[in-house]
């Protein structure tokens, strides 16, 4: 295996390496989802919550096939996360990346305008960014 892969595999899912800073990060993710769920209950619009979970689900699928590549080749995945982390969950995925993808879809959702006529470089915004996630 490549040196980066060996380094990424060391400490994989080792709970003894958890660092304290993931607690406030987890609290931030919980806060964001709590606010979005509260608003969704009132407005009956669950799009922001679904956007967050969809982007996280896509990344989960992406990281899963990346790990399968490493397992099948026994050499390396397409990408690895050998650096310092609070918790490495897969060869190319860590807790910090997971938290980021959990909120990325919500951030993306809130960047969409309400206008159906908004354009980006002359192309309708909904075609560039998507109408619904």
N, C-alpha and C. Protein backbone atom coordinates (compact mmCIF):
# COMPACT_ATOMS: atom_id res chain seq x y z
N UNK A 1 0.84 -1.19 0.00
CA UNK A 1 0.00 0.00 0.00
C UNK A 1 0.87 1.25 0.00
N UNK A 2 0.30 2.33 -0.49
CA UNK A 2 1.04 3.58 -0.53
C UNK A 2 1.22 4.12 0.89
N UNK A 3 2.25 4.94 1.10
CA UNK A 3 2.45 5.51 2.44
C UNK A 3 1.25 6.33 2.94
N UNK A 4 0.60 7.08 2.04
CA UNK A 4 -0.57 7.87 2.45
C UNK A 4 -1.71 6.96 2.89
N UNK A 5 -1.89 5.84 2.20
CA UNK A 5 -2.94 4.89 2.56
C UNK A 5 -2.64 4.26 3.91
N UNK A 6 -1.39 3.86 4.12
CA UNK A 6 -1.02 3.28 5.42
C UNK A 6 -1.24 4.27 6.54
N UNK A 7 -0.89 5.53 6.29
CA UNK A 7 -1.10 6.56 7.32
C UNK A 7 -2.59 6.78 7.57
N UNK A 8 -3.41 6.76 6.49
CA UNK A 8 -4.86 6.94 6.65
C UNK A 8 -5.48 5.76 7.38
N UNK A 9 -4.93 4.57 7.21
CA UNK A 9 -5.47 3.39 7.87
C UNK A 9 -5.08 3.32 9.35
N UNK A 10 -3.97 3.95 9.70
CA UNK A 10 -3.57 3.93 11.11
C UNK A 10 -4.53 4.80 11.91
N UNK A 11 -5.09 4.25 12.92
CA UNK A 11 -6.04 4.98 13.76
C UNK A 11 -7.45 5.03 13.19
N UNK A 12 -7.71 4.24 12.15
CA UNK A 12 -9.04 4.22 11.55
C UNK A 12 -10.07 3.77 12.57
N UNK A 13 -11.10 4.60 12.78
CA UNK A 13 -12.17 4.36 13.75
C UNK A 13 -11.64 4.06 15.16
N UNK A 14 -10.51 4.66 15.50
CA UNK A 14 -9.93 4.51 16.83
C UNK A 14 -10.50 5.60 17.74
N UNK A 15 -11.41 5.22 18.62
CA UNK A 15 -12.09 6.19 19.46
C UNK A 15 -11.17 6.85 20.48
N UNK A 16 -9.99 6.29 20.71
CA UNK A 16 -9.06 6.90 21.66
C UNK A 16 -8.44 8.18 21.10
N UNK A 17 -8.57 8.42 19.79
CA UNK A 17 -7.97 9.62 19.20
C UNK A 17 -8.97 10.79 19.10
N UNK A 18 -10.19 10.62 19.59
CA UNK A 18 -11.19 11.69 19.53
C UNK A 18 -10.66 12.93 20.25
N UNK A 19 -10.83 14.07 19.61
CA UNK A 19 -10.38 15.34 20.17
C UNK A 19 -11.59 16.16 20.62
N UNK A 20 -11.39 17.02 21.59
CA UNK A 20 -12.48 17.76 22.23
C UNK A 20 -13.22 18.69 21.28
N UNK A 21 -12.55 19.20 20.24
CA UNK A 21 -13.18 20.21 19.40
C UNK A 21 -14.35 19.68 18.57
N UNK A 22 -14.53 18.37 18.49
CA UNK A 22 -15.69 17.88 17.74
C UNK A 22 -17.00 18.11 18.50
N UNK A 23 -16.93 18.31 19.81
CA UNK A 23 -18.15 18.56 20.59
C UNK A 23 -18.81 19.87 20.16
N UNK A 24 -18.08 21.01 20.10
CA UNK A 24 -18.75 22.22 19.61
C UNK A 24 -19.16 22.12 18.15
N UNK A 25 -18.39 21.40 17.33
CA UNK A 25 -18.78 21.22 15.93
C UNK A 25 -20.09 20.44 15.84
N UNK A 26 -20.21 19.40 16.64
CA UNK A 26 -21.44 18.62 16.67
C UNK A 26 -22.61 19.48 17.15
N UNK A 27 -22.36 20.31 18.15
CA UNK A 27 -23.40 21.21 18.65
C UNK A 27 -23.86 22.18 17.57
N UNK A 28 -22.93 22.66 16.75
CA UNK A 28 -23.29 23.57 15.65
C UNK A 28 -24.16 22.85 14.63
N UNK A 29 -23.80 21.62 14.28
CA UNK A 29 -24.61 20.84 13.34
C UNK A 29 -25.99 20.60 13.92
N UNK A 30 -26.07 20.21 15.20
CA UNK A 30 -27.37 20.01 15.85
C UNK A 30 -28.20 21.29 15.84
N UNK A 31 -27.56 22.40 16.15
CA UNK A 31 -28.27 23.69 16.18
C UNK A 31 -28.86 24.02 14.81
N UNK A 32 -28.06 23.87 13.77
CA UNK A 32 -28.51 24.19 12.41
C UNK A 32 -29.70 23.31 12.05
N UNK A 33 -29.59 22.01 12.29
CA UNK A 33 -30.70 21.10 11.95
C UNK A 33 -31.93 21.36 12.81
N UNK A 34 -31.74 21.69 14.08
CA UNK A 34 -32.87 21.99 14.96
C UNK A 34 -33.62 23.21 14.45
N UNK A 35 -32.90 24.26 14.08
CA UNK A 35 -33.54 25.46 13.54
C UNK A 35 -34.27 25.17 12.24
N UNK A 36 -33.65 24.40 11.36
CA UNK A 36 -34.28 24.09 10.08
C UNK A 36 -35.51 23.21 10.26
N UNK A 37 -35.45 22.26 11.17
CA UNK A 37 -36.60 21.39 11.43
C UNK A 37 -37.74 22.19 12.06
N UNK A 38 -37.40 23.09 12.98
CA UNK A 38 -38.41 23.93 13.60
C UNK A 38 -39.12 24.77 12.54
N UNK A 39 -38.36 25.37 11.64
CA UNK A 39 -38.95 26.17 10.57
C UNK A 39 -39.77 25.30 9.62
N UNK A 40 -39.27 24.11 9.32
CA UNK A 40 -39.97 23.20 8.40
C UNK A 40 -41.31 22.76 8.98
N UNK A 41 -41.38 22.55 10.28
CA UNK A 41 -42.65 22.18 10.91
C UNK A 41 -43.69 23.29 10.77
N UNK A 42 -43.23 24.53 10.83
CA UNK A 42 -44.15 25.66 10.73
C UNK A 42 -44.57 25.93 9.29
N UNK A 43 -43.62 25.83 8.36
CA UNK A 43 -43.89 26.19 6.97
C UNK A 43 -44.26 24.99 6.10
N UNK A 44 -44.07 23.79 6.61
CA UNK A 44 -44.29 22.55 5.85
C UNK A 44 -43.34 22.44 4.65
N UNK A 45 -42.24 23.19 4.69
CA UNK A 45 -41.24 23.15 3.63
C UNK A 45 -39.97 22.50 4.19
N UNK A 46 -39.77 21.25 3.85
CA UNK A 46 -38.65 20.47 4.36
C UNK A 46 -37.45 20.48 3.41
N UNK A 47 -37.47 21.34 2.41
CA UNK A 47 -36.43 21.33 1.39
C UNK A 47 -35.02 21.54 1.95
N UNK A 48 -34.85 22.44 2.90
CA UNK A 48 -33.51 22.71 3.45
C UNK A 48 -32.97 21.48 4.17
N UNK A 49 -33.80 20.84 4.98
CA UNK A 49 -33.38 19.64 5.71
C UNK A 49 -33.04 18.53 4.72
N UNK A 50 -33.91 18.34 3.73
CA UNK A 50 -33.66 17.31 2.72
C UNK A 50 -32.42 17.61 1.90
N UNK A 51 -32.15 18.88 1.64
CA UNK A 51 -30.94 19.26 0.91
C UNK A 51 -29.70 18.87 1.72
N UNK A 52 -29.72 19.16 3.02
CA UNK A 52 -28.58 18.80 3.87
C UNK A 52 -28.35 17.31 3.92
N UNK A 53 -29.42 16.55 4.10
CA UNK A 53 -29.28 15.10 4.19
C UNK A 53 -28.92 14.48 2.84
N UNK A 54 -29.40 15.09 1.75
CA UNK A 54 -29.07 14.58 0.42
C UNK A 54 -27.59 14.74 0.11
N UNK A 55 -27.05 15.93 0.35
CA UNK A 55 -25.62 16.14 0.08
C UNK A 55 -24.77 15.23 0.95
N UNK A 56 -25.16 15.06 2.22
CA UNK A 56 -24.42 14.14 3.09
C UNK A 56 -24.52 12.71 2.56
N UNK A 57 -25.71 12.30 2.11
CA UNK A 57 -25.89 10.95 1.57
C UNK A 57 -25.06 10.72 0.32
N UNK A 58 -24.99 11.72 -0.53
CA UNK A 58 -24.16 11.60 -1.74
C UNK A 58 -22.70 11.45 -1.36
N UNK A 59 -22.25 12.23 -0.38
CA UNK A 59 -20.86 12.11 0.06
C UNK A 59 -20.61 10.75 0.71
N UNK A 60 -21.57 10.25 1.47
CA UNK A 60 -21.44 8.92 2.07
C UNK A 60 -21.26 7.86 0.97
N UNK A 61 -22.08 7.93 -0.07
CA UNK A 61 -21.94 7.00 -1.20
C UNK A 61 -20.56 7.15 -1.85
N UNK A 62 -20.14 8.40 -2.06
CA UNK A 62 -18.86 8.68 -2.68
C UNK A 62 -17.69 8.10 -1.86
N UNK A 63 -17.74 8.29 -0.56
CA UNK A 63 -16.67 7.78 0.30
C UNK A 63 -16.71 6.26 0.41
N UNK A 64 -17.90 5.68 0.29
CA UNK A 64 -18.01 4.22 0.36
C UNK A 64 -17.35 3.58 -0.85
N UNK A 65 -17.65 4.08 -2.07
CA UNK A 65 -17.00 3.46 -3.23
C UNK A 65 -15.51 3.74 -3.23
N UNK A 66 -15.09 4.89 -2.71
CA UNK A 66 -13.66 5.17 -2.59
C UNK A 66 -12.98 4.13 -1.70
N UNK A 67 -13.61 3.77 -0.60
CA UNK A 67 -13.05 2.74 0.29
C UNK A 67 -13.05 1.37 -0.38
N UNK A 68 -14.08 1.08 -1.18
CA UNK A 68 -14.11 -0.20 -1.91
C UNK A 68 -12.94 -0.28 -2.89
N UNK A 69 -12.60 0.84 -3.53
CA UNK A 69 -11.45 0.85 -4.45
C UNK A 69 -10.18 0.47 -3.68
N UNK A 70 -10.01 1.04 -2.49
CA UNK A 70 -8.82 0.72 -1.69
C UNK A 70 -8.83 -0.76 -1.32
N UNK A 71 -9.97 -1.28 -0.91
CA UNK A 71 -10.05 -2.67 -0.49
C UNK A 71 -9.81 -3.61 -1.67
N UNK A 72 -10.37 -3.29 -2.82
CA UNK A 72 -10.21 -4.16 -4.00
C UNK A 72 -8.80 -4.12 -4.57
N UNK A 73 -8.18 -2.95 -4.60
CA UNK A 73 -6.84 -2.84 -5.17
C UNK A 73 -5.75 -3.22 -4.16
N UNK A 74 -6.05 -3.09 -2.88
CA UNK A 74 -5.05 -3.32 -1.82
C UNK A 74 -3.82 -2.44 -2.01
N UNK A 75 -4.01 -1.32 -2.70
CA UNK A 75 -2.91 -0.39 -2.91
C UNK A 75 -3.27 1.00 -2.39
N UNK A 76 -4.34 1.59 -2.94
CA UNK A 76 -4.75 2.91 -2.51
C UNK A 76 -6.16 3.20 -2.99
N UNK A 77 -6.81 4.09 -2.29
CA UNK A 77 -8.09 4.62 -2.75
C UNK A 77 -7.80 5.77 -3.71
N UNK A 78 -8.84 6.33 -4.31
CA UNK A 78 -8.63 7.50 -5.17
C UNK A 78 -8.12 8.68 -4.35
N UNK A 79 -8.61 8.83 -3.13
CA UNK A 79 -8.13 9.86 -2.22
C UNK A 79 -8.13 9.31 -0.80
N UNK A 80 -7.27 9.85 0.02
CA UNK A 80 -7.19 9.44 1.42
C UNK A 80 -7.13 10.69 2.29
N UNK A 81 -7.36 10.50 3.59
CA UNK A 81 -7.23 11.60 4.55
C UNK A 81 -6.21 11.20 5.62
N UNK A 82 -4.93 11.24 5.23
CA UNK A 82 -3.90 10.78 6.17
C UNK A 82 -3.52 11.80 7.23
N UNK A 83 -4.01 13.02 7.13
CA UNK A 83 -3.63 14.07 8.06
C UNK A 83 -4.26 13.94 9.44
N UNK A 84 -3.96 14.93 10.27
CA UNK A 84 -4.47 14.96 11.63
C UNK A 84 -5.98 15.14 11.61
N UNK A 85 -6.68 14.42 12.45
CA UNK A 85 -8.14 14.49 12.52
C UNK A 85 -8.60 14.09 13.92
N UNK A 86 -9.83 14.46 14.24
CA UNK A 86 -10.40 14.07 15.53
C UNK A 86 -10.91 12.63 15.48
N UNK A 87 -11.30 12.17 14.29
CA UNK A 87 -11.76 10.79 14.14
C UNK A 87 -11.81 10.46 12.65
N UNK A 88 -11.05 9.46 12.24
CA UNK A 88 -11.06 9.01 10.85
C UNK A 88 -12.05 7.85 10.76
N UNK A 89 -13.09 8.01 9.95
CA UNK A 89 -14.14 7.01 9.86
C UNK A 89 -13.95 6.06 8.68
N UNK A 90 -13.44 6.56 7.57
CA UNK A 90 -13.09 5.76 6.41
C UNK A 90 -11.74 6.24 5.89
N UNK A 91 -11.15 5.53 4.97
CA UNK A 91 -9.81 5.88 4.49
C UNK A 91 -9.77 7.29 3.89
N UNK A 92 -10.89 7.77 3.34
CA UNK A 92 -10.93 9.11 2.76
C UNK A 92 -11.92 10.03 3.43
N UNK A 93 -12.33 9.69 4.63
CA UNK A 93 -13.40 10.45 5.29
C UNK A 93 -13.08 10.60 6.76
N UNK A 94 -13.32 11.78 7.30
CA UNK A 94 -13.14 11.98 8.73
C UNK A 94 -14.32 12.79 9.28
N UNK A 95 -14.36 12.93 10.57
CA UNK A 95 -15.50 13.55 11.24
C UNK A 95 -15.68 15.01 10.83
N UNK A 96 -14.58 15.71 10.58
CA UNK A 96 -14.68 17.10 10.17
C UNK A 96 -15.33 17.22 8.79
N UNK A 97 -14.96 16.34 7.87
CA UNK A 97 -15.57 16.32 6.55
C UNK A 97 -17.04 15.95 6.65
N UNK A 98 -17.36 15.00 7.52
CA UNK A 98 -18.77 14.61 7.70
C UNK A 98 -19.61 15.79 8.17
N UNK A 99 -19.12 16.53 9.15
CA UNK A 99 -19.87 17.68 9.66
C UNK A 99 -20.05 18.73 8.55
N UNK A 100 -19.00 18.94 7.76
CA UNK A 100 -19.08 19.93 6.69
C UNK A 100 -20.15 19.54 5.68
N UNK A 101 -20.19 18.26 5.27
CA UNK A 101 -21.18 17.84 4.29
C UNK A 101 -22.59 17.79 4.88
N UNK A 102 -22.71 17.61 6.19
CA UNK A 102 -24.03 17.67 6.81
C UNK A 102 -24.67 19.05 6.67
N UNK A 103 -23.85 20.11 6.71
CA UNK A 103 -24.43 21.45 6.60
C UNK A 103 -24.29 22.06 5.20
N UNK A 104 -23.48 21.48 4.34
CA UNK A 104 -23.26 22.04 3.00
C UNK A 104 -24.55 22.13 2.20
N UNK A 105 -25.39 21.11 2.22
CA UNK A 105 -26.64 21.15 1.47
C UNK A 105 -27.58 22.24 1.96
N UNK A 106 -27.59 22.47 3.28
CA UNK A 106 -28.42 23.54 3.84
C UNK A 106 -27.89 24.89 3.39
N UNK A 107 -26.58 25.05 3.41
CA UNK A 107 -25.97 26.30 2.92
C UNK A 107 -26.33 26.51 1.46
N UNK A 108 -26.17 25.48 0.66
CA UNK A 108 -26.49 25.55 -0.77
C UNK A 108 -27.96 25.93 -0.98
N UNK A 109 -28.84 25.29 -0.23
CA UNK A 109 -30.27 25.59 -0.35
C UNK A 109 -30.55 27.07 -0.10
N UNK A 110 -29.92 27.63 0.91
CA UNK A 110 -30.18 29.02 1.26
C UNK A 110 -29.51 30.01 0.31
N UNK A 111 -28.67 29.55 -0.60
CA UNK A 111 -28.10 30.46 -1.60
C UNK A 111 -29.03 30.65 -2.79
N UNK A 112 -30.01 29.75 -2.96
CA UNK A 112 -30.96 29.88 -4.06
C UNK A 112 -31.88 31.08 -3.82
N UNK A 113 -32.15 31.82 -4.88
CA UNK A 113 -33.05 32.97 -4.73
C UNK A 113 -34.50 32.51 -4.88
N UNK A 114 -35.40 33.35 -4.44
CA UNK A 114 -36.82 33.07 -4.58
C UNK A 114 -37.29 33.35 -6.01
N UNK A 115 -36.56 34.19 -6.71
CA UNK A 115 -36.95 34.61 -8.05
C UNK A 115 -36.77 33.48 -9.06
N UNK A 116 -37.73 33.36 -9.93
CA UNK A 116 -37.63 32.36 -11.00
C UNK A 116 -36.91 32.96 -12.22
N UNK A 117 -36.62 34.26 -12.17
CA UNK A 117 -36.00 34.94 -13.31
C UNK A 117 -34.51 35.22 -13.09
N UNK A 118 -33.97 34.87 -11.94
CA UNK A 118 -32.57 35.11 -11.61
C UNK A 118 -31.68 34.35 -12.60
N UNK A 119 -30.58 35.01 -13.04
CA UNK A 119 -29.67 34.37 -14.00
C UNK A 119 -28.24 34.40 -13.48
N UNK A 120 -27.48 33.39 -13.87
CA UNK A 120 -26.05 33.31 -13.57
C UNK A 120 -25.35 33.18 -14.91
N UNK A 121 -24.55 34.19 -15.26
CA UNK A 121 -23.86 34.23 -16.55
C UNK A 121 -24.84 34.04 -17.71
N UNK A 122 -26.03 34.61 -17.57
CA UNK A 122 -27.04 34.56 -18.62
C UNK A 122 -27.88 33.30 -18.66
N UNK A 123 -27.59 32.35 -17.77
CA UNK A 123 -28.35 31.09 -17.72
C UNK A 123 -29.26 31.14 -16.50
N UNK A 124 -30.54 30.70 -16.65
CA UNK A 124 -31.43 30.71 -15.49
C UNK A 124 -30.82 29.99 -14.28
N UNK A 125 -30.91 30.64 -13.13
CA UNK A 125 -30.30 30.11 -11.90
C UNK A 125 -30.73 28.68 -11.61
N UNK A 126 -32.00 28.40 -11.79
CA UNK A 126 -32.52 27.07 -11.47
C UNK A 126 -31.90 25.99 -12.36
N UNK A 127 -31.47 26.34 -13.58
CA UNK A 127 -30.81 25.37 -14.44
C UNK A 127 -29.37 25.13 -13.99
N UNK A 128 -28.73 26.20 -13.48
CA UNK A 128 -27.34 26.08 -13.03
C UNK A 128 -27.27 25.38 -11.68
N UNK A 129 -28.09 25.83 -10.73
CA UNK A 129 -28.01 25.33 -9.36
C UNK A 129 -29.05 24.27 -9.04
N UNK A 130 -30.06 24.12 -9.86
CA UNK A 130 -31.10 23.14 -9.62
C UNK A 130 -32.33 23.78 -9.00
N UNK A 131 -33.49 23.30 -9.41
CA UNK A 131 -34.75 23.83 -8.89
C UNK A 131 -35.04 23.30 -7.49
N UNK A 132 -34.86 22.01 -7.30
CA UNK A 132 -35.06 21.35 -6.01
C UNK A 132 -33.93 20.37 -5.80
N UNK A 133 -33.55 20.19 -4.57
CA UNK A 133 -32.49 19.22 -4.27
C UNK A 133 -33.09 17.90 -3.90
